[in-house]
Amino acid sequence: MESDELPLEALLARFEEGTRLAKICQAKLAEAELKIQQLEQNAAGETEVKPVAAADDGAQGGT
């Protein structure tokens, strides 16, 4: 950006695209976590709903 290789409009377009893709990835991740919660089985073979606690630990730290 500092080297002026791309005009501001192109940089903004790339930023918007990255934001859009990040939202899609977050939605897919949330969907996968929900499936894991619904399908987790205990040792007896019974289905249990278990929250996915580890996913929340670092998800917001980098944004």
C-alpha atoms as a PDB file:
ATOM      1  CA  MET A   1       0.000   0.000   0.000  1.00  0.00           C
ATOM      2  CA  GLU A   2       2.807   2.418   0.809  1.00  0.00           C
ATOM      3  CA  SER A   3       4.546   1.787  -2.509  1.00  0.00           C
ATOM      4  CA  ASP A   4       1.503   3.110  -4.438  1.00  0.00           C
ATOM      5  CA  GLU A   5       1.381  -0.005  -6.632  1.00  0.00           C
ATOM      6  CA  LEU A   6      -2.403  -0.270  -6.315  1.00  0.00           C
ATOM      7  CA  PRO A   7      -4.847   2.614  -6.405  1.00  0.00           C
ATOM      8  CA  LEU A   8      -6.987   3.227  -3.354  1.00  0.00           C
ATOM      9  CA  GLU A   9     -10.104   1.918  -5.106  1.00  0.00           C
ATOM     10  CA  ALA A  10      -8.415  -1.418  -5.799  1.00  0.00           C
ATOM     11  CA  LEU A  11      -7.234  -1.671  -2.199  1.00  0.00           C
ATOM     12  CA  LEU A  12     -10.742  -0.977  -0.927  1.00  0.00           C
ATOM     13  CA  ALA A  13     -12.184  -3.585  -3.284  1.00  0.00           C
ATOM     14  CA  ARG A  14      -9.718  -6.176  -1.998  1.00  0.00           C
ATOM     15  CA  PHE A  15     -10.513  -5.259   1.604  1.00  0.00           C
ATOM     16  CA  GLU A  16     -14.250  -5.611   0.945  1.00  0.00           C
ATOM     17  CA  GLU A  17     -13.689  -8.983  -0.732  1.00  0.00           C
ATOM     18  CA  GLY A  18     -11.612 -10.164   2.221  1.00  0.00           C
ATOM     19  CA  THR A  19     -14.315  -9.064   4.639  1.00  0.00           C
ATOM     20  CA  ARG A  20     -16.964 -10.875   2.602  1.00  0.00           C
ATOM     21  CA  LEU A  21     -14.888 -14.059   2.490  1.00  0.00           C
ATOM     22  CA  ALA A  22     -14.199 -13.876   6.238  1.00  0.00           C
ATOM     23  CA  LYS A  23     -17.950 -13.726   6.922  1.00  0.00           C
ATOM     24  CA  ILE A  24     -18.515 -16.774   4.719  1.00  0.00           C
ATOM     25  CA  CYS A  25     -15.768 -18.672   6.536  1.00  0.00           C
ATOM     26  CA  GLN A  26     -17.194 -17.736   9.944  1.00  0.00           C
ATOM     27  CA  ALA A  27     -20.647 -18.979   8.895  1.00  0.00           C
ATOM     28  CA  LYS A  28     -19.215 -22.277   7.624  1.00  0.00           C
ATOM     29  CA  LEU A  29     -17.209 -22.709  10.823  1.00  0.00           C
ATOM     30  CA  ALA A  30     -20.285 -22.065  12.976  1.00  0.00           C
ATOM     31  CA  GLU A  31     -22.244 -24.613  10.928  1.00  0.00           C
ATOM     32  CA  ALA A  32     -19.501 -27.221  11.345  1.00  0.00           C
ATOM     33  CA  GLU A  33     -19.307 -26.590  15.100  1.00  0.00           C
ATOM     34  CA  LEU A  34     -23.069 -27.064  15.379  1.00  0.00           C
ATOM     35  CA  LYS A  35     -22.845 -30.386  13.532  1.00  0.00           C
ATOM     36  CA  ILE A  36     -20.054 -31.522  15.867  1.00  0.00           C
ATOM     37  CA  GLN A  37     -22.161 -30.597  18.891  1.00  0.00           C
ATOM     38  CA  GLN A  38     -25.138 -32.505  17.542  1.00  0.00           C
ATOM     39  CA  LEU A  39     -23.192 -35.615  16.538  1.00  0.00           C
ATOM     40  CA  GLU A  40     -20.883 -36.044  19.517  1.00  0.00           C
ATOM     41  CA  GLN A  41     -21.391 -39.465  21.058  1.00  0.00           C
ATOM     42  CA  ASN A  42     -20.468 -40.722  24.485  1.00  0.00           C
ATOM     43  CA  ALA A  43     -18.756 -44.038  25.251  1.00  0.00           C
ATOM     44  CA  ALA A  44     -22.091 -45.892  25.460  1.00  0.00           C
ATOM     45  CA  GLY A  45     -22.939 -44.828  21.899  1.00  0.00           C
ATOM     46  CA  GLU A  46     -25.616 -42.369  22.956  1.00  0.00           C
ATOM     47  CA  THR A  47     -25.664 -39.028  21.218  1.00  0.00           C
ATOM     48  CA  GLU A  48     -24.890 -36.101  23.509  1.00  0.00           C
ATOM     49  CA  VAL A  49     -24.897 -32.417  22.739  1.00  0.00           C
ATOM     50  CA  LYS A  50     -21.529 -31.065  23.840  1.00  0.00           C
ATOM     51  CA  PRO A  51     -20.498 -27.427  23.403  1.00  0.00           C
ATOM     52  CA  VAL A  52     -17.323 -26.732  21.462  1.00  0.00           C
ATOM     53  CA  ALA A  53     -15.515 -24.555  24.003  1.00  0.00           C
ATOM     54  CA  ALA A  54     -12.070 -24.515  22.360  1.00  0.00           C
ATOM     55  CA  ALA A  55     -13.316 -22.661  19.265  1.00  0.00           C
ATOM     56  CA  ASP A  56     -14.103 -19.496  21.227  1.00  0.00           C
ATOM     57  CA  ASP A  57     -10.677 -19.234  22.876  1.00  0.00           C
ATOM     58  CA  GLY A  58      -8.700 -17.724  19.996  1.00  0.00           C
ATOM     59  CA  ALA A  59     -11.309 -16.840  17.423  1.00  0.00           C
ATOM     60  CA  GLN A  60     -11.638 -13.176  18.349  1.00  0.00           C
ATOM     61  CA  GLY A  61      -8.094 -12.473  19.435  1.00  0.00           C
ATOM     62  CA  GLY A  62      -6.752 -11.862  15.932  1.00  0.00           C
ATOM     63  CA  THR A  63      -9.401  -9.485  14.642  1.00  0.00           C
END
